[in-house]
Amino acid sequence: MEIKRAKHNLLCLVHYEGHEYIMQECILWMAQDVFGGRQLRYSAILQDKTAGSIMRVPLEAVEEI
């Protein structure tokens, strides 16, 4: 999912690895590699519809329904 679509999909059903989840949050964070290089990254907090479990995944791996 592109960051410009993240706001639209909050609290909506999304696909991740072939399953449906509710997108709860979008997180912006700074990743740093072993050489000190920095890069902005986005993650999504997804809630399982049935089990209620929560997981944090890369936003680019989440798909809109």
C-alpha atoms as a PDB file:
ATOM      1  CA  MET A   1       0.000   0.000   0.000  1.00  0.00           C
ATOM      2  CA  GLU A   2       1.217   3.478  -0.773  1.00  0.00           C
ATOM      3  CA  ILE A   3       1.391   5.954   2.101  1.00  0.00           C
ATOM      4  CA  LYS A   4      -1.142   8.263   0.409  1.00  0.00           C
ATOM      5  CA  ARG A   5      -3.777   5.475   0.775  1.00  0.00           C
ATOM      6  CA  ALA A   6      -3.007   4.644   4.416  1.00  0.00           C
ATOM      7  CA  LYS A   7      -5.295   7.294   5.951  1.00  0.00           C
ATOM      8  CA  HIS A   8      -8.214   6.139   3.788  1.00  0.00           C
ATOM      9  CA  ASN A   9      -7.776   2.518   4.953  1.00  0.00           C
ATOM     10  CA  LEU A  10      -7.563   3.091   8.717  1.00  0.00           C
ATOM     11  CA  LEU A  11     -10.163   0.932  10.510  1.00  0.00           C
ATOM     12  CA  CYS A  12     -10.958  -0.796   7.192  1.00  0.00           C
ATOM     13  CA  LEU A  13     -10.410  -4.356   6.035  1.00  0.00           C
ATOM     14  CA  VAL A  14      -7.132  -4.963   4.204  1.00  0.00           C
ATOM     15  CA  HIS A  15      -5.266  -8.007   2.851  1.00  0.00           C
ATOM     16  CA  TYR A  16      -1.916  -9.203   4.158  1.00  0.00           C
ATOM     17  CA  GLU A  17      -0.416 -12.518   3.028  1.00  0.00           C
ATOM     18  CA  GLY A  18      -3.771 -13.767   1.758  1.00  0.00           C
ATOM     19  CA  HIS A  19      -5.787 -13.008   4.916  1.00  0.00           C
ATOM     20  CA  GLU A  20      -8.094 -10.166   5.926  1.00  0.00           C
ATOM     21  CA  TYR A  21      -7.212  -7.838   8.793  1.00  0.00           C
ATOM     22  CA  ILE A  22      -8.418  -4.517  10.189  1.00  0.00           C
ATOM     23  CA  MET A  23      -5.822  -1.769   9.752  1.00  0.00           C
ATOM     24  CA  GLN A  24      -5.541  -0.079  13.157  1.00  0.00           C
ATOM     25  CA  GLU A  25      -2.513   2.218  12.794  1.00  0.00           C
ATOM     26  CA  CYS A  26       0.120   3.536  10.410  1.00  0.00           C
ATOM     27  CA  ILE A  27       3.569   4.162  11.900  1.00  0.00           C
ATOM     28  CA  LEU A  28       6.438   6.288  10.565  1.00  0.00           C
ATOM     29  CA  TRP A  29       9.865   5.308  11.908  1.00  0.00           C
ATOM     30  CA  MET A  30      13.556   5.777  11.138  1.00  0.00           C
ATOM     31  CA  ALA A  31      15.561   2.687  10.180  1.00  0.00           C
ATOM     32  CA  GLN A  32      19.331   2.774  10.533  1.00  0.00           C
ATOM     33  CA  ASP A  33      21.676   0.342   8.810  1.00  0.00           C
ATOM     34  CA  VAL A  34      25.053  -0.916  10.109  1.00  0.00           C
ATOM     35  CA  PHE A  35      26.867   1.887   8.262  1.00  0.00           C
ATOM     36  CA  GLY A  36      24.806   4.619   9.956  1.00  0.00           C
ATOM     37  CA  GLY A  37      22.600   5.286   6.938  1.00  0.00           C
ATOM     38  CA  ARG A  38      19.058   6.303   7.786  1.00  0.00           C
ATOM     39  CA  GLN A  39      15.826   5.753   5.928  1.00  0.00           C
ATOM     40  CA  LEU A  40      12.213   6.579   6.728  1.00  0.00           C
ATOM     41  CA  ARG A  41       9.970   3.510   6.805  1.00  0.00           C
ATOM     42  CA  TYR A  42       6.243   2.932   7.272  1.00  0.00           C
ATOM     43  CA  SER A  43       4.572   0.075   9.137  1.00  0.00           C
ATOM     44  CA  ALA A  44       0.960  -0.895   9.680  1.00  0.00           C
ATOM     45  CA  ILE A  45      -0.623  -2.351  12.806  1.00  0.00           C
ATOM     46  CA  LEU A  46      -3.131  -5.000  11.737  1.00  0.00           C
ATOM     47  CA  GLN A  47      -5.738  -6.730  13.891  1.00  0.00           C
ATOM     48  CA  ASP A  48      -6.905 -10.253  13.077  1.00  0.00           C
ATOM     49  CA  LYS A  49     -10.689 -10.191  12.566  1.00  0.00           C
ATOM     50  CA  THR A  50     -11.365 -13.461  14.400  1.00  0.00           C
ATOM     51  CA  ALA A  51      -8.551 -14.025  16.907  1.00  0.00           C
ATOM     52  CA  GLY A  52      -8.100 -10.366  17.831  1.00  0.00           C
ATOM     53  CA  SER A  53      -4.300 -10.704  17.665  1.00  0.00           C
ATOM     54  CA  ILE A  54      -2.235  -7.694  16.593  1.00  0.00           C
ATOM     55  CA  MET A  55       0.848  -7.574  14.353  1.00  0.00           C
ATOM     56  CA  ARG A  56       3.131  -4.909  12.912  1.00  0.00           C
ATOM     57  CA  VAL A  57       4.001  -5.356   9.226  1.00  0.00           C
ATOM     58  CA  PRO A  58       5.641  -3.289   6.453  1.00  0.00           C
ATOM     59  CA  LEU A  59       3.051  -0.968   4.909  1.00  0.00           C
ATOM     60  CA  GLU A  60       4.161  -1.906   1.383  1.00  0.00           C
ATOM     61  CA  ALA A  61       3.096  -5.525   2.061  1.00  0.00           C
ATOM     62  CA  VAL A  62      -0.510  -4.507   2.888  1.00  0.00           C
ATOM     63  CA  GLU A  63      -3.106  -4.455   0.095  1.00  0.00           C
ATOM     64  CA  GLU A  64      -6.394  -2.609  -0.131  1.00  0.00           C
ATOM     65  CA  ILE A  65      -9.625  -4.568  -0.512  1.00  0.00           C
END
